[in-house]
Amino acid sequence: MAIFVWKESYCVGIKIIDDQHKVLVRIINELDLLLQSDFSVQQARALFGELLDYTKYHFATEERLMKIGGYKKSALDAHLKQHYQFIDEIHSLNNESIPVSADEAQLVMSYLTNWLKNHILKVDRQLANYLLRQEKPLPEGGPVFVPMDELEALYQSLGQAVMLLRQQYDSGQESSSRQDSASVIDCLNQARSLLQESTSLIEQASRNLSKSEEN
């Protein structure tokens, strides 16, 4: 059974927040399953990294909504303080304290799950109730989210292509072998595919922003 079972009672009534909360719940459940298996530290760091990236993205969305809605400064500061503390905790877990035993994993997952539940039911619900009372149009999309692993893969593909081309230039080859040329083309094609996917995400976010401004 999943450690964090989503319930309708966790919905705060603002679609963009609810949708992003569901993604966070999915990542936490995936992390819990991983930590129950014979995992490697590299696998755990990758999933903690995904949790950290999406948490930052989600918090940026909430902070933008607070500013759009004119959330009072004292409440905004208190909300942001919780965001910063949670991000620091995930940073610490990913960089220093990857759980290696079943007991450690249980403690970590209990902390992540309970923190998010309490934050949703108390702090985020308070924010949502305030925003809904303002009757202001809210954006349908958040900031552009491009996973770090996609950006790293893009840079790696471009870097490999540049390295191969530089090696050919330094060796004074006027024409490269078919194998070298194929390697360069493969790297560039992979980079182009990643760029197209990232561009699609940016264009979708731009359309969502335009819709919210029209409203």
N, C-alpha and C. Protein backbone atom coordinates (compact mmCIF):
# COMPACT_ATOMS: atom_id res chain seq x y z
N MET A 1 0.85 -1.20 0.00
CA MET A 1 0.00 0.00 0.00
C MET A 1 0.88 1.25 0.00
N ALA A 2 0.46 2.26 -0.75
CA ALA A 2 1.23 3.50 -0.83
C ALA A 2 1.29 4.17 0.54
N ILE A 3 2.42 4.80 0.83
CA ILE A 3 2.58 5.46 2.11
C ILE A 3 1.71 6.72 2.20
N PHE A 4 1.43 7.32 1.04
CA PHE A 4 0.60 8.54 1.00
C PHE A 4 -0.54 8.28 0.02
N VAL A 5 -1.71 8.00 0.56
CA VAL A 5 -2.90 7.75 -0.26
C VAL A 5 -3.66 9.07 -0.42
N TRP A 6 -3.80 9.52 -1.67
CA TRP A 6 -4.48 10.78 -1.92
C TRP A 6 -5.98 10.64 -1.64
N LYS A 7 -6.53 11.63 -0.94
CA LYS A 7 -7.96 11.67 -0.65
C LYS A 7 -8.52 13.00 -1.13
N GLU A 8 -9.81 13.01 -1.41
CA GLU A 8 -10.44 14.25 -1.86
C GLU A 8 -10.36 15.34 -0.80
N SER A 9 -10.23 14.93 0.46
CA SER A 9 -10.15 15.92 1.55
C SER A 9 -8.86 16.74 1.46
N TYR A 10 -7.88 16.26 0.66
CA TYR A 10 -6.64 17.01 0.50
C TYR A 10 -6.77 18.10 -0.57
N CYS A 11 -7.85 18.09 -1.34
CA CYS A 11 -8.05 19.12 -2.36
C CYS A 11 -8.35 20.45 -1.69
N VAL A 12 -7.69 21.51 -2.17
CA VAL A 12 -7.91 22.84 -1.58
C VAL A 12 -8.84 23.69 -2.42
N GLY A 13 -9.22 23.19 -3.61
CA GLY A 13 -10.18 23.91 -4.43
C GLY A 13 -9.59 24.76 -5.53
N ILE A 14 -8.26 24.78 -5.64
CA ILE A 14 -7.59 25.49 -6.74
C ILE A 14 -6.85 24.45 -7.56
N LYS A 15 -7.28 24.28 -8.81
CA LYS A 15 -6.84 23.15 -9.62
C LYS A 15 -5.32 23.05 -9.75
N ILE A 16 -4.68 24.17 -10.03
CA ILE A 16 -3.23 24.12 -10.26
C ILE A 16 -2.49 23.63 -9.02
N ILE A 17 -2.96 24.04 -7.84
CA ILE A 17 -2.32 23.59 -6.59
C ILE A 17 -2.62 22.11 -6.35
N ASP A 18 -3.87 21.72 -6.53
CA ASP A 18 -4.24 20.31 -6.31
C ASP A 18 -3.48 19.39 -7.27
N ASP A 19 -3.38 19.78 -8.53
CA ASP A 19 -2.68 18.94 -9.51
C ASP A 19 -1.21 18.77 -9.13
N GLN A 20 -0.58 19.85 -8.69
CA GLN A 20 0.83 19.77 -8.32
C GLN A 20 1.03 18.98 -7.03
N HIS A 21 0.09 19.09 -6.10
CA HIS A 21 0.17 18.28 -4.89
C HIS A 21 0.13 16.79 -5.23
N LYS A 22 -0.69 16.42 -6.21
CA LYS A 22 -0.79 15.01 -6.61
C LYS A 22 0.53 14.51 -7.19
N VAL A 23 1.24 15.38 -7.91
CA VAL A 23 2.55 14.98 -8.44
C VAL A 23 3.54 14.76 -7.30
N LEU A 24 3.53 15.65 -6.31
CA LEU A 24 4.41 15.48 -5.15
C LEU A 24 4.11 14.18 -4.42
N VAL A 25 2.83 13.86 -4.28
CA VAL A 25 2.44 12.61 -3.63
C VAL A 25 2.96 11.41 -4.42
N ARG A 26 2.85 11.49 -5.75
CA ARG A 26 3.35 10.38 -6.59
C ARG A 26 4.85 10.18 -6.39
N ILE A 27 5.61 11.28 -6.37
CA ILE A 27 7.06 11.17 -6.21
C ILE A 27 7.41 10.59 -4.84
N ILE A 28 6.70 11.02 -3.80
CA ILE A 28 6.95 10.50 -2.45
C ILE A 28 6.66 9.00 -2.40
N ASN A 29 5.57 8.57 -3.03
CA ASN A 29 5.25 7.14 -3.06
C ASN A 29 6.31 6.34 -3.83
N GLU A 30 6.80 6.90 -4.93
CA GLU A 30 7.86 6.23 -5.69
C GLU A 30 9.14 6.13 -4.86
N LEU A 31 9.44 7.19 -4.11
CA LEU A 31 10.63 7.19 -3.26
C LEU A 31 10.49 6.14 -2.16
N ASP A 32 9.30 6.03 -1.60
CA ASP A 32 9.06 5.04 -0.55
C ASP A 32 9.27 3.62 -1.08
N LEU A 33 8.75 3.35 -2.27
CA LEU A 33 8.93 2.03 -2.88
C LEU A 33 10.41 1.74 -3.13
N LEU A 34 11.13 2.75 -3.59
CA LEU A 34 12.56 2.57 -3.86
C LEU A 34 13.31 2.23 -2.58
N LEU A 35 13.03 2.97 -1.51
CA LEU A 35 13.76 2.78 -0.26
C LEU A 35 13.43 1.44 0.41
N GLN A 36 12.35 0.81 -0.02
CA GLN A 36 12.01 -0.51 0.50
C GLN A 36 12.70 -1.63 -0.29
N SER A 37 13.35 -1.26 -1.39
CA SER A 37 13.99 -2.25 -2.26
C SER A 37 15.50 -2.25 -2.04
N ASP A 38 16.18 -3.07 -2.81
CA ASP A 38 17.64 -3.12 -2.76
C ASP A 38 18.18 -2.02 -3.67
N PHE A 39 18.14 -0.78 -3.18
CA PHE A 39 18.44 0.37 -4.02
C PHE A 39 19.90 0.78 -3.90
N SER A 40 20.33 1.57 -4.89
CA SER A 40 21.67 2.16 -4.83
C SER A 40 21.53 3.62 -4.39
N VAL A 41 22.61 4.16 -3.83
CA VAL A 41 22.61 5.56 -3.42
C VAL A 41 22.35 6.46 -4.62
N GLN A 42 22.88 6.07 -5.78
CA GLN A 42 22.67 6.86 -7.00
C GLN A 42 21.19 6.94 -7.36
N GLN A 43 20.47 5.81 -7.25
CA GLN A 43 19.04 5.81 -7.53
C GLN A 43 18.28 6.70 -6.56
N ALA A 44 18.66 6.62 -5.28
CA ALA A 44 17.99 7.43 -4.27
C ALA A 44 18.24 8.91 -4.50
N ARG A 45 19.48 9.25 -4.83
CA ARG A 45 19.80 10.67 -5.08
C ARG A 45 19.01 11.20 -6.27
N ALA A 46 18.85 10.37 -7.30
CA ALA A 46 18.11 10.81 -8.49
C ALA A 46 16.66 11.12 -8.13
N LEU A 47 16.04 10.26 -7.31
CA LEU A 47 14.63 10.47 -6.96
C LEU A 47 14.47 11.60 -5.95
N PHE A 48 15.41 11.72 -5.02
CA PHE A 48 15.40 12.87 -4.12
C PHE A 48 15.58 14.16 -4.92
N GLY A 49 16.42 14.10 -5.95
CA GLY A 49 16.62 15.26 -6.81
C GLY A 49 15.34 15.65 -7.54
N GLU A 50 14.60 14.64 -8.01
CA GLU A 50 13.32 14.92 -8.67
C GLU A 50 12.34 15.54 -7.69
N LEU A 51 12.31 15.01 -6.47
CA LEU A 51 11.43 15.58 -5.44
C LEU A 51 11.80 17.03 -5.15
N LEU A 52 13.09 17.29 -5.06
CA LEU A 52 13.56 18.65 -4.78
C LEU A 52 13.20 19.60 -5.92
N ASP A 53 13.45 19.19 -7.17
CA ASP A 53 13.14 20.03 -8.32
C ASP A 53 11.66 20.37 -8.38
N TYR A 54 10.81 19.34 -8.20
CA TYR A 54 9.38 19.60 -8.34
C TYR A 54 8.84 20.38 -7.14
N THR A 55 9.43 20.16 -5.97
CA THR A 55 9.01 20.93 -4.79
C THR A 55 9.29 22.42 -5.01
N LYS A 56 10.47 22.73 -5.54
CA LYS A 56 10.80 24.13 -5.83
C LYS A 56 9.83 24.72 -6.85
N TYR A 57 9.53 23.93 -7.87
CA TYR A 57 8.58 24.37 -8.91
C TYR A 57 7.20 24.64 -8.30
N HIS A 58 6.74 23.72 -7.46
CA HIS A 58 5.42 23.89 -6.83
C HIS A 58 5.40 25.10 -5.91
N PHE A 59 6.43 25.26 -5.11
CA PHE A 59 6.48 26.40 -4.20
C PHE A 59 6.52 27.72 -4.98
N ALA A 60 7.22 27.73 -6.12
CA ALA A 60 7.24 28.94 -6.95
C ALA A 60 5.85 29.28 -7.46
N THR A 61 5.06 28.25 -7.78
CA THR A 61 3.68 28.46 -8.22
C THR A 61 2.86 29.08 -7.09
N GLU A 62 2.97 28.52 -5.90
CA GLU A 62 2.21 29.05 -4.76
C GLU A 62 2.62 30.49 -4.44
N GLU A 63 3.91 30.75 -4.50
CA GLU A 63 4.39 32.11 -4.19
C GLU A 63 3.87 33.11 -5.22
N ARG A 64 3.79 32.68 -6.47
CA ARG A 64 3.24 33.56 -7.51
C ARG A 64 1.76 33.84 -7.24
N LEU A 65 1.02 32.82 -6.83
CA LEU A 65 -0.40 33.00 -6.53
C LEU A 65 -0.59 33.94 -5.34
N MET A 66 0.29 33.83 -4.35
CA MET A 66 0.20 34.72 -3.19
C MET A 66 0.38 36.17 -3.60
N LYS A 67 1.32 36.42 -4.50
CA LYS A 67 1.57 37.79 -4.95
C LYS A 67 0.43 38.30 -5.81
N ILE A 68 -0.10 37.44 -6.69
CA ILE A 68 -1.24 37.84 -7.53
C ILE A 68 -2.44 38.18 -6.66
N GLY A 69 -2.65 37.37 -5.62
CA GLY A 69 -3.83 37.56 -4.77
C GLY A 69 -3.67 38.62 -3.70
N GLY A 70 -2.47 39.21 -3.58
CA GLY A 70 -2.27 40.24 -2.57
C GLY A 70 -2.30 39.68 -1.16
N TYR A 71 -1.71 38.49 -0.98
CA TYR A 71 -1.68 37.85 0.34
C TYR A 71 -0.96 38.75 1.33
N LYS A 72 -1.52 38.88 2.53
CA LYS A 72 -0.93 39.79 3.51
C LYS A 72 0.49 39.34 3.86
N LYS A 73 1.35 40.31 4.12
CA LYS A 73 2.78 40.05 4.25
C LYS A 73 3.12 39.08 5.37
N SER A 74 2.46 39.20 6.51
CA SER A 74 2.78 38.32 7.64
C SER A 74 2.48 36.87 7.30
N ALA A 75 1.33 36.63 6.63
CA ALA A 75 0.97 35.27 6.25
C ALA A 75 1.90 34.75 5.15
N LEU A 76 2.25 35.64 4.21
CA LEU A 76 3.15 35.26 3.12
C LEU A 76 4.52 34.87 3.68
N ASP A 77 5.05 35.68 4.60
CA ASP A 77 6.37 35.40 5.18
C ASP A 77 6.36 34.07 5.94
N ALA A 78 5.29 33.81 6.68
CA ALA A 78 5.20 32.56 7.44
C ALA A 78 5.13 31.36 6.50
N HIS A 79 4.38 31.52 5.41
CA HIS A 79 4.24 30.45 4.42
C HIS A 79 5.59 30.18 3.76
N LEU A 80 6.28 31.24 3.35
CA LEU A 80 7.57 31.08 2.68
C LEU A 80 8.60 30.45 3.62
N LYS A 81 8.52 30.77 4.90
CA LYS A 81 9.45 30.19 5.87
C LYS A 81 9.33 28.67 5.89
N GLN A 82 8.09 28.18 5.83
CA GLN A 82 7.88 26.73 5.79
C GLN A 82 8.45 26.14 4.50
N HIS A 83 8.26 26.84 3.40
CA HIS A 83 8.81 26.37 2.12
C HIS A 83 10.33 26.23 2.20
N TYR A 84 10.99 27.27 2.69
CA TYR A 84 12.45 27.26 2.75
C TYR A 84 12.97 26.15 3.66
N GLN A 85 12.28 25.94 4.79
CA GLN A 85 12.71 24.91 5.73
C GLN A 85 12.59 23.52 5.11
N PHE A 86 11.50 23.29 4.38
CA PHE A 86 11.29 21.97 3.76
C PHE A 86 12.33 21.72 2.67
N ILE A 87 12.62 22.74 1.87
CA ILE A 87 13.63 22.60 0.82
C ILE A 87 14.99 22.30 1.45
N ASP A 88 15.32 22.97 2.55
CA ASP A 88 16.59 22.71 3.23
C ASP A 88 16.66 21.26 3.72
N GLU A 89 15.54 20.74 4.21
CA GLU A 89 15.52 19.36 4.70
C GLU A 89 15.77 18.38 3.56
N ILE A 90 15.14 18.60 2.41
CA ILE A 90 15.34 17.69 1.27
C ILE A 90 16.78 17.79 0.77
N HIS A 91 17.32 19.02 0.73
CA HIS A 91 18.72 19.21 0.35
C HIS A 91 19.62 18.38 1.26
N SER A 92 19.37 18.46 2.55
CA SER A 92 20.20 17.75 3.52
C SER A 92 20.10 16.24 3.33
N LEU A 93 18.90 15.75 3.11
CA LEU A 93 18.71 14.31 2.90
C LEU A 93 19.43 13.84 1.64
N ASN A 94 19.36 14.64 0.60
CA ASN A 94 19.95 14.24 -0.68
C ASN A 94 21.47 14.32 -0.65
N ASN A 95 22.01 15.28 0.07
CA ASN A 95 23.45 15.51 0.05
C ASN A 95 24.21 14.80 1.16
N GLU A 96 23.54 14.56 2.29
CA GLU A 96 24.27 14.06 3.45
C GLU A 96 23.68 12.81 4.09
N SER A 97 22.37 12.66 4.04
CA SER A 97 21.73 11.66 4.90
C SER A 97 20.84 10.68 4.15
N ILE A 98 21.31 10.16 3.01
CA ILE A 98 20.52 9.15 2.31
C ILE A 98 20.29 7.96 3.25
N PRO A 99 19.03 7.61 3.53
CA PRO A 99 18.78 6.50 4.47
C PRO A 99 19.26 5.17 3.90
N VAL A 100 19.98 4.41 4.71
CA VAL A 100 20.53 3.14 4.23
C VAL A 100 19.89 1.94 4.93
N SER A 101 19.20 2.16 6.03
CA SER A 101 18.54 1.06 6.73
C SER A 101 17.03 1.22 6.63
N ALA A 102 16.30 0.14 6.92
CA ALA A 102 14.84 0.18 6.86
C ALA A 102 14.28 1.17 7.88
N ASP A 103 14.88 1.22 9.06
CA ASP A 103 14.40 2.14 10.10
C ASP A 103 14.61 3.59 9.69
N GLU A 104 15.78 3.88 9.10
CA GLU A 104 16.06 5.24 8.65
C GLU A 104 15.10 5.64 7.53
N ALA A 105 14.86 4.72 6.60
CA ALA A 105 13.95 5.00 5.49
C ALA A 105 12.54 5.29 6.00
N GLN A 106 12.10 4.52 6.99
CA GLN A 106 10.76 4.73 7.54
C GLN A 106 10.64 6.11 8.19
N LEU A 107 11.69 6.51 8.91
CA LEU A 107 11.67 7.83 9.56
C LEU A 107 11.62 8.95 8.52
N VAL A 108 12.43 8.82 7.47
CA VAL A 108 12.47 9.84 6.42
C VAL A 108 11.12 9.94 5.72
N MET A 109 10.55 8.81 5.33
CA MET A 109 9.29 8.83 4.60
C MET A 109 8.14 9.32 5.47
N SER A 110 8.17 8.98 6.75
CA SER A 110 7.14 9.48 7.66
C SER A 110 7.22 10.99 7.78
N TYR A 111 8.45 11.50 7.84
CA TYR A 111 8.63 12.96 7.92
C TYR A 111 8.09 13.64 6.66
N LEU A 112 8.50 13.16 5.48
CA LEU A 112 8.08 13.79 4.22
C LEU A 112 6.56 13.75 4.08
N THR A 113 5.97 12.59 4.38
CA THR A 113 4.52 12.42 4.23
C THR A 113 3.76 13.30 5.21
N ASN A 114 4.15 13.27 6.47
CA ASN A 114 3.42 14.06 7.48
C ASN A 114 3.58 15.55 7.25
N TRP A 115 4.78 15.97 6.81
CA TRP A 115 4.98 17.40 6.55
C TRP A 115 4.04 17.87 5.44
N LEU A 116 3.99 17.11 4.35
CA LEU A 116 3.16 17.53 3.21
C LEU A 116 1.68 17.50 3.58
N LYS A 117 1.25 16.47 4.29
CA LYS A 117 -0.16 16.40 4.70
C LYS A 117 -0.53 17.62 5.55
N ASN A 118 0.28 17.91 6.55
CA ASN A 118 -0.02 19.04 7.44
C ASN A 118 0.02 20.36 6.68
N HIS A 119 0.98 20.49 5.77
CA HIS A 119 1.11 21.73 5.00
C HIS A 119 -0.11 21.94 4.11
N ILE A 120 -0.57 20.86 3.48
CA ILE A 120 -1.74 20.95 2.61
C ILE A 120 -2.99 21.30 3.41
N LEU A 121 -3.22 20.56 4.49
CA LEU A 121 -4.47 20.69 5.24
C LEU A 121 -4.56 21.99 6.03
N LYS A 122 -3.43 22.57 6.38
CA LYS A 122 -3.46 23.79 7.19
C LYS A 122 -3.03 25.02 6.38
N VAL A 123 -1.77 25.08 6.02
CA VAL A 123 -1.21 26.29 5.41
C VAL A 123 -1.75 26.52 4.00
N ASP A 124 -1.73 25.47 3.17
CA ASP A 124 -2.21 25.64 1.79
C ASP A 124 -3.72 25.85 1.73
N ARG A 125 -4.45 25.19 2.62
CA ARG A 125 -5.90 25.39 2.64
C ARG A 125 -6.23 26.83 3.05
N GLN A 126 -5.48 27.37 3.99
CA GLN A 126 -5.67 28.76 4.40
C GLN A 126 -5.42 29.70 3.22
N LEU A 127 -4.34 29.43 2.48
CA LEU A 127 -4.03 30.24 1.30
C LEU A 127 -5.14 30.12 0.26
N ALA A 128 -5.59 28.90 -0.02
CA ALA A 128 -6.62 28.68 -1.04
C ALA A 128 -7.92 29.38 -0.66
N ASN A 129 -8.32 29.28 0.60
CA ASN A 129 -9.55 29.94 1.04
C ASN A 129 -9.46 31.45 0.83
N TYR A 130 -8.29 32.00 1.11
CA TYR A 130 -8.09 33.44 0.90
C TYR A 130 -8.21 33.79 -0.58
N LEU A 131 -7.51 33.03 -1.43
CA LEU A 131 -7.52 33.32 -2.86
C LEU A 131 -8.91 33.19 -3.46
N LEU A 132 -9.66 32.19 -3.03
CA LEU A 132 -11.00 31.98 -3.56
C LEU A 132 -11.95 33.11 -3.14
N ARG A 133 -11.72 33.68 -1.98
CA ARG A 133 -12.56 34.80 -1.53
C ARG A 133 -12.29 36.07 -2.33
N GLN A 134 -11.08 36.18 -2.91
CA GLN A 134 -10.74 37.39 -3.66
C GLN A 134 -11.47 37.47 -5.00
N GLU A 135 -11.91 36.32 -5.50
CA GLU A 135 -12.63 36.24 -6.79
C GLU A 135 -11.81 36.86 -7.92
N LYS A 136 -10.50 36.69 -7.85
CA LYS A 136 -9.63 37.15 -8.93
C LYS A 136 -9.30 35.97 -9.84
N PRO A 137 -9.16 36.22 -11.16
CA PRO A 137 -8.78 35.12 -12.06
C PRO A 137 -7.38 34.62 -11.72
N LEU A 138 -7.23 33.31 -11.63
CA LEU A 138 -5.94 32.72 -11.30
C LEU A 138 -5.36 32.02 -12.53
N PRO A 139 -4.05 32.02 -12.69
CA PRO A 139 -3.44 31.37 -13.85
C PRO A 139 -3.69 29.87 -13.84
N GLU A 140 -3.85 29.31 -15.04
CA GLU A 140 -4.06 27.87 -15.15
C GLU A 140 -2.75 27.10 -15.08
N GLY A 141 -1.65 27.75 -15.41
CA GLY A 141 -0.35 27.08 -15.41
C GLY A 141 0.62 27.79 -14.50
N GLY A 142 1.61 27.04 -14.02
CA GLY A 142 2.64 27.61 -13.17
C GLY A 142 3.85 28.01 -13.99
N PRO A 143 4.96 28.28 -13.32
CA PRO A 143 6.20 28.56 -14.03
C PRO A 143 6.60 27.36 -14.88
N VAL A 144 7.44 27.60 -15.86
CA VAL A 144 7.88 26.50 -16.73
C VAL A 144 8.69 25.50 -15.91
N PHE A 145 8.31 24.23 -16.00
CA PHE A 145 9.05 23.19 -15.29
C PHE A 145 9.73 22.28 -16.29
N VAL A 146 11.05 22.35 -16.33
CA VAL A 146 11.85 21.44 -17.15
C VAL A 146 12.73 20.65 -16.20
N PRO A 147 12.51 19.34 -16.06
CA PRO A 147 13.29 18.54 -15.11
C PRO A 147 14.78 18.68 -15.33
N MET A 148 15.53 18.72 -14.23
CA MET A 148 16.97 18.89 -14.32
C MET A 148 17.64 17.76 -15.08
N ASP A 149 17.10 16.54 -14.99
CA ASP A 149 17.74 15.44 -15.69
C ASP A 149 17.65 15.62 -17.20
N GLU A 150 16.57 16.29 -17.68
CA GLU A 150 16.46 16.56 -19.11
C GLU A 150 17.49 17.60 -19.54
N LEU A 151 17.67 18.64 -18.71
CA LEU A 151 18.67 19.65 -19.04
C LEU A 151 20.07 19.06 -19.02
N GLU A 152 20.34 18.20 -18.04
CA GLU A 152 21.66 17.58 -17.95
C GLU A 152 21.91 16.69 -19.17
N ALA A 153 20.87 15.96 -19.60
CA ALA A 153 21.01 15.10 -20.78
C ALA A 153 21.26 15.94 -22.03
N LEU A 154 20.58 17.10 -22.10
CA LEU A 154 20.77 18.00 -23.24
C LEU A 154 22.21 18.50 -23.30
N TYR A 155 22.71 18.99 -22.16
CA TYR A 155 24.08 19.50 -22.13
C TYR A 155 25.09 18.38 -22.42
N GLN A 156 24.80 17.18 -21.93
CA GLN A 156 25.71 16.06 -22.16
C GLN A 156 25.77 15.72 -23.65
N SER A 157 24.61 15.69 -24.30
CA SER A 157 24.58 15.37 -25.74
C SER A 157 25.32 16.42 -26.55
N LEU A 158 25.06 17.69 -26.23
CA LEU A 158 25.76 18.76 -26.95
C LEU A 158 27.26 18.71 -26.67
N GLY A 159 27.62 18.43 -25.41
CA GLY A 159 29.03 18.36 -25.05
C GLY A 159 29.76 17.24 -25.78
N GLN A 160 29.10 16.09 -25.91
CA GLN A 160 29.72 14.97 -26.62
C GLN A 160 29.93 15.30 -28.10
N ALA A 161 28.92 15.96 -28.69
CA ALA A 161 29.04 16.33 -30.10
C ALA A 161 30.19 17.31 -30.31
N VAL A 162 30.28 18.32 -29.43
CA VAL A 162 31.34 19.31 -29.54
C VAL A 162 32.71 18.66 -29.34
N MET A 163 32.81 17.74 -28.37
CA MET A 163 34.08 17.07 -28.09
C MET A 163 34.55 16.26 -29.30
N LEU A 164 33.62 15.53 -29.93
CA LEU A 164 33.99 14.74 -31.10
C LEU A 164 34.44 15.62 -32.26
N LEU A 165 33.72 16.72 -32.45
CA LEU A 165 34.11 17.65 -33.52
C LEU A 165 35.47 18.27 -33.24
N ARG A 166 35.72 18.60 -31.96
CA ARG A 166 37.01 19.20 -31.60
C ARG A 166 38.16 18.21 -31.81
N GLN A 167 37.91 16.94 -31.47
CA GLN A 167 38.94 15.92 -31.66
C GLN A 167 39.29 15.78 -33.13
N GLN A 168 38.27 15.83 -33.98
CA GLN A 168 38.53 15.74 -35.42
C GLN A 168 39.33 16.94 -35.90
N TYR A 169 38.99 18.12 -35.38
CA TYR A 169 39.69 19.34 -35.79
C TYR A 169 41.15 19.31 -35.32
N ASP A 170 41.37 18.92 -34.05
CA ASP A 170 42.72 18.91 -33.50
C ASP A 170 43.62 17.89 -34.20
N SER A 171 43.02 16.79 -34.66
CA SER A 171 43.82 15.76 -35.32
C SER A 171 44.10 16.10 -36.78
N GLY A 172 43.52 17.21 -37.25
CA GLY A 172 43.78 17.66 -38.60
C GLY A 172 43.07 16.85 -39.66
N GLN A 173 42.02 16.13 -39.26
CA GLN A 173 41.28 15.32 -40.22
C GLN A 173 40.41 16.23 -41.08
N GLU A 174 40.56 16.09 -42.38
CA GLU A 174 39.71 16.87 -43.27
C GLU A 174 38.34 16.24 -43.38
N SER A 175 38.30 14.96 -43.24
CA SER A 175 37.01 14.27 -43.29
C SER A 175 37.02 13.19 -42.23
N SER A 176 35.96 13.07 -41.49
CA SER A 176 35.89 12.11 -40.41
C SER A 176 35.43 10.76 -40.93
N SER A 177 35.65 9.74 -40.12
CA SER A 177 35.17 8.41 -40.49
C SER A 177 33.66 8.37 -40.37
N ARG A 178 33.06 7.37 -41.00
CA ARG A 178 31.61 7.24 -40.92
C ARG A 178 31.15 7.03 -39.48
N GLN A 179 31.95 6.27 -38.71
CA GLN A 179 31.59 6.00 -37.32
C GLN A 179 31.59 7.28 -36.50
N ASP A 180 32.64 8.12 -36.67
CA ASP A 180 32.70 9.38 -35.93
C ASP A 180 31.55 10.30 -36.33
N SER A 181 31.29 10.37 -37.63
CA SER A 181 30.20 11.23 -38.10
C SER A 181 28.86 10.77 -37.55
N ALA A 182 28.67 9.45 -37.51
CA ALA A 182 27.42 8.91 -36.98
C ALA A 182 27.27 9.25 -35.50
N SER A 183 28.38 9.21 -34.75
CA SER A 183 28.33 9.53 -33.32
C SER A 183 27.93 10.99 -33.10
N VAL A 184 28.52 11.88 -33.90
CA VAL A 184 28.18 13.29 -33.80
C VAL A 184 26.71 13.51 -34.12
N ILE A 185 26.24 12.88 -35.20
CA ILE A 185 24.85 13.04 -35.62
C ILE A 185 23.89 12.51 -34.55
N ASP A 186 24.23 11.36 -33.95
CA ASP A 186 23.38 10.80 -32.89
C ASP A 186 23.28 11.77 -31.71
N CYS A 187 24.41 12.34 -31.30
CA CYS A 187 24.41 13.28 -30.18
C CYS A 187 23.57 14.52 -30.49
N LEU A 188 23.74 15.04 -31.70
CA LEU A 188 22.99 16.24 -32.09
C LEU A 188 21.50 15.95 -32.22
N ASN A 189 21.15 14.77 -32.73
CA ASN A 189 19.73 14.40 -32.84
C ASN A 189 19.09 14.27 -31.46
N GLN A 190 19.83 13.68 -30.52
CA GLN A 190 19.30 13.56 -29.17
C GLN A 190 19.11 14.93 -28.54
N ALA A 191 20.09 15.81 -28.74
CA ALA A 191 19.97 17.17 -28.20
C ALA A 191 18.79 17.90 -28.82
N ARG A 192 18.59 17.72 -30.14
CA ARG A 192 17.47 18.37 -30.82
C ARG A 192 16.14 17.88 -30.26
N SER A 193 16.04 16.57 -30.00
CA SER A 193 14.81 16.01 -29.45
C SER A 193 14.51 16.60 -28.07
N LEU A 194 15.55 16.70 -27.23
CA LEU A 194 15.37 17.27 -25.90
C LEU A 194 14.99 18.75 -25.97
N LEU A 195 15.59 19.47 -26.91
CA LEU A 195 15.25 20.88 -27.08
C LEU A 195 13.80 21.04 -27.52
N GLN A 196 13.33 20.18 -28.41
CA GLN A 196 11.95 20.25 -28.88
C GLN A 196 10.98 20.00 -27.73
N GLU A 197 11.32 19.03 -26.88
CA GLU A 197 10.44 18.73 -25.74
C GLU A 197 10.40 19.90 -24.76
N SER A 198 11.58 20.48 -24.48
CA SER A 198 11.63 21.63 -23.58
C SER A 198 10.89 22.82 -24.17
N THR A 199 11.05 23.04 -25.48
CA THR A 199 10.35 24.14 -26.15
C THR A 199 8.85 23.97 -26.07
N SER A 200 8.38 22.72 -26.20
CA SER A 200 6.95 22.45 -26.11
C SER A 200 6.41 22.82 -24.73
N LEU A 201 7.18 22.50 -23.68
CA LEU A 201 6.76 22.86 -22.32
C LEU A 201 6.69 24.37 -22.16
N ILE A 202 7.68 25.07 -22.70
CA ILE A 202 7.70 26.53 -22.59
C ILE A 202 6.54 27.16 -23.35
N GLU A 203 6.24 26.64 -24.54
CA GLU A 203 5.13 27.18 -25.34
C GLU A 203 3.79 26.96 -24.63
N GLN A 204 3.63 25.79 -23.99
CA GLN A 204 2.39 25.51 -23.27
C GLN A 204 2.24 26.47 -22.10
N ALA A 205 3.34 26.70 -21.38
CA ALA A 205 3.29 27.63 -20.25
C ALA A 205 2.97 29.04 -20.73
N SER A 206 3.50 29.42 -21.89
CA SER A 206 3.24 30.74 -22.45
C SER A 206 1.76 30.89 -22.81
N ARG A 207 1.17 29.83 -23.39
CA ARG A 207 -0.26 29.88 -23.73
C ARG A 207 -1.11 30.02 -22.47
N ASN A 208 -0.74 29.27 -21.42
CA ASN A 208 -1.49 29.36 -20.16
C ASN A 208 -1.41 30.76 -19.58
N LEU A 209 -0.21 31.35 -19.66
CA LEU A 209 -0.02 32.70 -19.13
C LEU A 209 -0.85 33.71 -19.91
N SER A 210 -0.90 33.56 -21.24
CA SER A 210 -1.69 34.47 -22.08
C SER A 210 -3.17 34.37 -21.73
N LYS A 211 -3.65 33.15 -21.49
CA LYS A 211 -5.06 32.97 -21.13
C LYS A 211 -5.38 33.66 -19.82
N SER A 212 -4.46 33.51 -18.83
CA SER A 212 -4.72 34.11 -17.53
C SER A 212 -4.72 35.63 -17.62
N GLU A 213 -3.86 36.20 -18.49
CA GLU A 213 -3.82 37.65 -18.65
C GLU A 213 -5.07 38.17 -19.36
N GLU A 214 -5.61 37.36 -20.29
CA GLU A 214 -6.84 37.76 -20.98
C GLU A 214 -8.02 37.82 -20.03
N ASN A 215 -7.99 36.90 -19.03
CA ASN A 215 -9.09 36.88 -18.05
C ASN A 215 -9.00 38.04 -17.07
